[in-house]
Amino acid sequence: MAKKSKEARVQVILECTEHKESGMPGTSRYITTKNRKNTPARMELKKYNPILKKMTIHKEIK
């Protein structure tokens, strides 16, 4: 039987860094996928935060 291989594409959760530091209630999170082979480090993307009403940096969690 063939050996099971880890899938290259995985789901990741991105969370707003500015919102976390501001202490306001609620969170801004996005779910996306990334290729584990091409991007082994944690992702950082600029996404829209509807609570702060501006573009902020969202970092991968877990």
PDB file of N, CA and C in Angstrom:
ATOM      1  N   MET A   1       0.819  -1.188   0.000  1.00  0.00           N
ATOM      2  CA  MET A   1       0.000   0.000   0.000  1.00  0.00           C
ATOM      3  C   MET A   1       0.866   1.257   0.000  1.00  0.00           C
ATOM      4  N   ALA A   2       0.362   2.299  -0.632  1.00  0.00           N
ATOM      5  CA  ALA A   2       1.116   3.556  -0.710  1.00  0.00           C
ATOM      6  C   ALA A   2       1.099   4.278   0.625  1.00  0.00           C
ATOM      7  N   LYS A   3       2.171   5.009   0.881  1.00  0.00           N
ATOM      8  CA  LYS A   3       2.319   5.760   2.119  1.00  0.00           C
ATOM      9  C   LYS A   3       1.498   7.050   2.035  1.00  0.00           C
ATOM     10  N   LYS A   4       0.807   7.404   3.121  1.00  0.00           N
ATOM     11  CA  LYS A   4       0.020   8.637   3.131  1.00  0.00           C
ATOM     12  C   LYS A   4       0.963   9.832   3.167  1.00  0.00           C
ATOM     13  N   SER A   5       0.709  10.814   2.309  1.00  0.00           N
ATOM     14  CA  SER A   5       1.540  12.025   2.297  1.00  0.00           C
ATOM     15  C   SER A   5       0.725  13.197   2.836  1.00  0.00           C
ATOM     16  N   LYS A   6       1.400  14.151   3.435  1.00  0.00           N
ATOM     17  CA  LYS A   6       0.714  15.344   3.933  1.00  0.00           C
ATOM     18  C   LYS A   6       0.269  16.173   2.743  1.00  0.00           C
ATOM     19  N   GLU A   7      -0.911  16.719   2.850  1.00  0.00           N
ATOM     20  CA  GLU A   7      -1.401  17.567   1.771  1.00  0.00           C
ATOM     21  C   GLU A   7      -0.625  18.875   1.759  1.00  0.00           C
ATOM     22  N   ALA A   8      -0.361  19.380   0.568  1.00  0.00           N
ATOM     23  CA  ALA A   8       0.406  20.623   0.437  1.00  0.00           C
ATOM     24  C   ALA A   8      -0.453  21.838   0.788  1.00  0.00           C
ATOM     25  N   ARG A   9      -1.747  21.781   0.452  1.00  0.00           N
ATOM     26  CA  ARG A   9      -2.636  22.923   0.674  1.00  0.00           C
ATOM     27  C   ARG A   9      -3.397  22.740   1.986  1.00  0.00           C
ATOM     28  N   VAL A  10      -3.275  23.738   2.882  1.00  0.00           N
ATOM     29  CA  VAL A  10      -3.941  23.683   4.187  1.00  0.00           C
ATOM     30  C   VAL A  10      -4.730  24.963   4.439  1.00  0.00           C
ATOM     31  N   GLN A  11      -5.777  24.859   5.270  1.00  0.00           N
ATOM     32  CA  GLN A  11      -6.563  26.021   5.651  1.00  0.00           C
ATOM     33  C   GLN A  11      -5.884  26.738   6.806  1.00  0.00           C
ATOM     34  N   VAL A  12      -5.849  28.062   6.759  1.00  0.00           N
ATOM     35  CA  VAL A  12      -5.264  28.858   7.834  1.00  0.00           C
ATOM     36  C   VAL A  12      -6.233  29.974   8.225  1.00  0.00           C
ATOM     37  N   ILE A  13      -6.107  30.429   9.479  1.00  0.00           N
ATOM     38  CA  ILE A  13      -6.936  31.521   9.982  1.00  0.00           C
ATOM     39  C   ILE A  13      -6.042  32.747  10.150  1.00  0.00           C
ATOM     40  N   LEU A  14      -6.489  33.867   9.601  1.00  0.00           N
ATOM     41  CA  LEU A  14      -5.765  35.131   9.717  1.00  0.00           C
ATOM     42  C   LEU A  14      -6.511  36.032  10.697  1.00  0.00           C
ATOM     43  N   GLU A  15      -5.780  36.613  11.660  1.00  0.00           N
ATOM     44  CA  GLU A  15      -6.404  37.473  12.668  1.00  0.00           C
ATOM     45  C   GLU A  15      -5.745  38.850  12.653  1.00  0.00           C
ATOM     46  N   CYS A  16      -6.542  39.888  12.833  1.00  0.00           N
ATOM     47  CA  CYS A  16      -6.053  41.269  12.816  1.00  0.00           C
ATOM     48  C   CYS A  16      -5.145  41.541  14.008  1.00  0.00           C
ATOM     49  N   THR A  17      -3.987  42.158  13.748  1.00  0.00           N
ATOM     50  CA  THR A  17      -3.042  42.464  14.817  1.00  0.00           C
ATOM     51  C   THR A  17      -3.388  43.789  15.499  1.00  0.00           C
ATOM     52  N   GLU A  18      -3.821  44.783  14.748  1.00  0.00           N
ATOM     53  CA  GLU A  18      -4.149  46.097  15.311  1.00  0.00           C
ATOM     54  C   GLU A  18      -5.367  46.024  16.225  1.00  0.00           C
ATOM     55  N   HIS A  19      -6.366  45.251  15.821  1.00  0.00           N
ATOM     56  CA  HIS A  19      -7.593  45.123  16.605  1.00  0.00           C
ATOM     57  C   HIS A  19      -7.293  44.442  17.936  1.00  0.00           C
ATOM     58  N   LYS A  20      -6.412  43.451  17.907  1.00  0.00           N
ATOM     59  CA  LYS A  20      -6.042  42.714  19.116  1.00  0.00           C
ATOM     60  C   LYS A  20      -5.378  43.654  20.136  1.00  0.00           C
ATOM     61  N   GLU A  21      -4.519  44.544  19.658  1.00  0.00           N
ATOM     62  CA  GLU A  21      -3.784  45.475  20.518  1.00  0.00           C
ATOM     63  C   GLU A  21      -4.654  46.625  21.025  1.00  0.00           C
ATOM     64  N   SER A  22      -5.702  46.987  20.282  1.00  0.00           N
ATOM     65  CA  SER A  22      -6.533  48.135  20.656  1.00  0.00           C
ATOM     66  C   SER A  22      -7.409  47.855  21.876  1.00  0.00           C
ATOM     67  N   GLY A  23      -7.718  46.592  22.143  1.00  0.00           N
ATOM     68  CA  GLY A  23      -8.545  46.242  23.291  1.00  0.00           C
ATOM     69  C   GLY A  23     -10.038  46.377  23.044  1.00  0.00           C
ATOM     70  N   MET A  24     -10.440  46.694  21.815  1.00  0.00           N
ATOM     71  CA  MET A  24     -11.855  46.792  21.472  1.00  0.00           C
ATOM     72  C   MET A  24     -12.470  45.400  21.458  1.00  0.00           C
ATOM     73  N   PRO A  25     -13.773  45.287  21.786  1.00  0.00           N
ATOM     74  CA  PRO A  25     -14.403  43.970  21.744  1.00  0.00           C
ATOM     75  C   PRO A  25     -14.559  43.460  20.308  1.00  0.00           C
ATOM     76  N   GLY A  26     -14.556  42.142  20.156  1.00  0.00           N
ATOM     77  CA  GLY A  26     -14.699  41.516  18.840  1.00  0.00           C
ATOM     78  C   GLY A  26     -13.353  41.246  18.206  1.00  0.00           C
ATOM     79  N   THR A  27     -13.386  40.497  17.095  1.00  0.00           N
ATOM     80  CA  THR A  27     -12.166  40.203  16.347  1.00  0.00           C
ATOM     81  C   THR A  27     -12.469  40.217  14.858  1.00  0.00           C
ATOM     82  N   SER A  28     -11.434  40.443  14.080  1.00  0.00           N
ATOM     83  CA  SER A  28     -11.547  40.377  12.625  1.00  0.00           C
ATOM     84  C   SER A  28     -10.706  39.194  12.174  1.00  0.00           C
ATOM     85  N   ARG A  29     -11.367  38.165  11.640  1.00  0.00           N
ATOM     86  CA  ARG A  29     -10.665  36.962  11.197  1.00  0.00           C
ATOM     87  C   ARG A  29     -11.096  36.582   9.790  1.00  0.00           C
ATOM     88  N   TYR A  30     -10.152  36.035   9.040  1.00  0.00           N
ATOM     89  CA  TYR A  30     -10.405  35.528   7.704  1.00  0.00           C
ATOM     90  C   TYR A  30      -9.877  34.109   7.621  1.00  0.00           C
ATOM     91  N   ILE A  31     -10.540  33.257   6.830  1.00  0.00           N
ATOM     92  CA  ILE A  31     -10.055  31.904   6.582  1.00  0.00           C
ATOM     93  C   ILE A  31      -9.611  31.844   5.129  1.00  0.00           C
ATOM     94  N   THR A  32      -8.422  31.297   4.905  1.00  0.00           N
ATOM     95  CA  THR A  32      -7.882  31.167   3.557  1.00  0.00           C
ATOM     96  C   THR A  32      -7.061  29.885   3.481  1.00  0.00           C
ATOM     97  N   THR A  33      -6.515  29.603   2.315  1.00  0.00           N
ATOM     98  CA  THR A  33      -5.658  28.428   2.162  1.00  0.00           C
ATOM     99  C   THR A  33      -4.273  28.867   1.729  1.00  0.00           C
ATOM    100  N   LYS A  34      -3.286  28.035   2.061  1.00  0.00           N
ATOM    101  CA  LYS A  34      -1.927  28.321   1.614  1.00  0.00           C
ATOM    102  C   LYS A  34      -1.256  27.009   1.244  1.00  0.00           C
ATOM    103  N   ASN A  35      -0.239  27.107   0.413  1.00  0.00           N
ATOM    104  CA  ASN A  35       0.544  25.945   0.031  1.00  0.00           C
ATOM    105  C   ASN A  35       1.700  25.816   1.025  1.00  0.00           C
ATOM    106  N   ARG A  36       1.692  24.724   1.774  1.00  0.00           N
ATOM    107  CA  ARG A  36       2.679  24.532   2.834  1.00  0.00           C
ATOM    108  C   ARG A  36       4.107  24.436   2.291  1.00  0.00           C
ATOM    109  N   LYS A  37       4.260  23.893   1.077  1.00  0.00           N
ATOM    110  CA  LYS A  37       5.604  23.742   0.496  1.00  0.00           C
ATOM    111  C   LYS A  37       6.188  25.080   0.060  1.00  0.00           C
ATOM    112  N   ASN A  38       5.359  25.950  -0.514  1.00  0.00           N
ATOM    113  CA  ASN A  38       5.836  27.252  -0.989  1.00  0.00           C
ATOM    114  C   ASN A  38       5.943  28.286   0.120  1.00  0.00           C
ATOM    115  N   THR A  39       5.083  28.179   1.144  1.00  0.00           N
ATOM    116  CA  THR A  39       5.044  29.162   2.222  1.00  0.00           C
ATOM    117  C   THR A  39       5.096  28.456   3.573  1.00  0.00           C
ATOM    118  N   PRO A  40       6.266  28.013   4.001  1.00  0.00           N
ATOM    119  CA  PRO A  40       6.338  27.303   5.282  1.00  0.00           C
ATOM    120  C   PRO A  40       6.179  28.229   6.496  1.00  0.00           C
ATOM    121  N   ALA A  41       6.543  29.502   6.358  1.00  0.00           N
ATOM    122  CA  ALA A  41       6.426  30.456   7.471  1.00  0.00           C
ATOM    123  C   ALA A  41       4.978  30.928   7.598  1.00  0.00           C
ATOM    124  N   ARG A  42       4.696  31.615   8.704  1.00  0.00           N
ATOM    125  CA  ARG A  42       3.351  32.139   8.922  1.00  0.00           C
ATOM    126  C   ARG A  42       3.060  33.284   7.962  1.00  0.00           C
ATOM    127  N   MET A  43       1.834  33.317   7.442  1.00  0.00           N
ATOM    128  CA  MET A  43       1.439  34.326   6.462  1.00  0.00           C
ATOM    129  C   MET A  43       1.057  35.643   7.122  1.00  0.00           C
ATOM    130  N   GLU A  44       1.279  36.738   6.396  1.00  0.00           N
ATOM    131  CA  GLU A  44       0.826  38.076   6.771  1.00  0.00           C
ATOM    132  C   GLU A  44       0.221  38.718   5.541  1.00  0.00           C
ATOM    133  N   LEU A  45      -1.032  39.113   5.632  1.00  0.00           N
ATOM    134  CA  LEU A  45      -1.708  39.753   4.513  1.00  0.00           C
ATOM    135  C   LEU A  45      -2.418  41.008   4.982  1.00  0.00           C
ATOM    136  N   LYS A  46      -2.543  41.990   4.093  1.00  0.00           N
ATOM    137  CA  LYS A  46      -3.326  43.186   4.383  1.00  0.00           C
ATOM    138  C   LYS A  46      -4.773  42.885   3.988  1.00  0.00           C
ATOM    139  N   LYS A  47      -5.668  42.953   4.976  1.00  0.00           N
ATOM    140  CA  LYS A  47      -7.084  42.684   4.743  1.00  0.00           C
ATOM    141  C   LYS A  47      -7.897  43.815   5.371  1.00  0.00           C
ATOM    142  N   TYR A  48      -9.165  43.898   4.984  1.00  0.00           N
ATOM    143  CA  TYR A  48     -10.053  44.935   5.508  1.00  0.00           C
ATOM    144  C   TYR A  48     -10.634  44.502   6.856  1.00  0.00           C
ATOM    145  N   ASN A  49     -10.563  45.400   7.847  1.00  0.00           N
ATOM    146  CA  ASN A  49     -11.160  45.150   9.146  1.00  0.00           C
ATOM    147  C   ASN A  49     -12.442  45.978   9.223  1.00  0.00           C
ATOM    148  N   PRO A  50     -13.621  45.330   9.206  1.00  0.00           N
ATOM    149  CA  PRO A  50     -14.879  46.084   9.192  1.00  0.00           C
ATOM    150  C   PRO A  50     -15.161  46.835  10.492  1.00  0.00           C
ATOM    151  N   ILE A  51     -14.590  46.409  11.613  1.00  0.00           N
ATOM    152  CA  ILE A  51     -14.835  47.083  12.884  1.00  0.00           C
ATOM    153  C   ILE A  51     -14.031  48.384  12.953  1.00  0.00           C
ATOM    154  N   LEU A  52     -12.760  48.335  12.553  1.00  0.00           N
ATOM    155  CA  LEU A  52     -11.921  49.542  12.525  1.00  0.00           C
ATOM    156  C   LEU A  52     -12.136  50.357  11.255  1.00  0.00           C
ATOM    157  N   LYS A  53     -12.775  49.760  10.268  1.00  0.00           N
ATOM    158  CA  LYS A  53     -13.090  50.389   8.977  1.00  0.00           C
ATOM    159  C   LYS A  53     -11.850  50.862   8.232  1.00  0.00           C
ATOM    160  N   LYS A  54     -10.813  49.993   8.196  1.00  0.00           N
ATOM    161  CA  LYS A  54      -9.609  50.309   7.432  1.00  0.00           C
ATOM    162  C   LYS A  54      -8.846  49.017   7.139  1.00  0.00           C
ATOM    163  N   MET A  55      -7.864  49.126   6.249  1.00  0.00           N
ATOM    164  CA  MET A  55      -7.013  47.989   5.917  1.00  0.00           C
ATOM    165  C   MET A  55      -5.979  47.809   7.020  1.00  0.00           C
ATOM    166  N   THR A  56      -5.819  46.559   7.497  1.00  0.00           N
ATOM    167  CA  THR A  56      -4.856  46.270   8.559  1.00  0.00           C
ATOM    168  C   THR A  56      -4.115  44.978   8.223  1.00  0.00           C
ATOM    169  N   ILE A  57      -3.023  44.734   8.932  1.00  0.00           N
ATOM    170  CA  ILE A  57      -2.261  43.509   8.726  1.00  0.00           C
ATOM    171  C   ILE A  57      -2.906  42.398   9.542  1.00  0.00           C
ATOM    172  N   HIS A  58      -3.161  41.280   8.874  1.00  0.00           N
ATOM    173  CA  HIS A  58      -3.706  40.081   9.503  1.00  0.00           C
ATOM    174  C   HIS A  58      -2.643  39.007   9.471  1.00  0.00           C
ATOM    175  N   LYS A  59      -2.348  38.390  10.635  1.00  0.00           N
ATOM    176  CA  LYS A  59      -1.333  37.346  10.731  1.00  0.00           C
ATOM    177  C   LYS A  59      -1.982  35.993  10.966  1.00  0.00           C
ATOM    178  N   GLU A  60      -1.301  34.966  10.497  1.00  0.00           N
ATOM    179  CA  GLU A  60      -1.768  33.599  10.673  1.00  0.00           C
ATOM    180  C   GLU A  60      -1.681  33.195  12.140  1.00  0.00           C
ATOM    181  N   ILE A  61      -2.730  32.533  12.635  1.00  0.00           N
ATOM    182  CA  ILE A  61      -2.707  32.012  14.000  1.00  0.00           C
ATOM    183  C   ILE A  61      -2.748  30.492  13.965  1.00  0.00           C
ATOM    184  N   LYS A  62      -2.289  29.874  15.024  1.00  0.00           N
ATOM    185  CA  LYS A  62      -2.170  28.405  15.155  1.00  0.00           C
ATOM    186  C   LYS A  62      -1.297  27.855  14.091  1.00  0.00           C
TER     187      LYS A  62
END
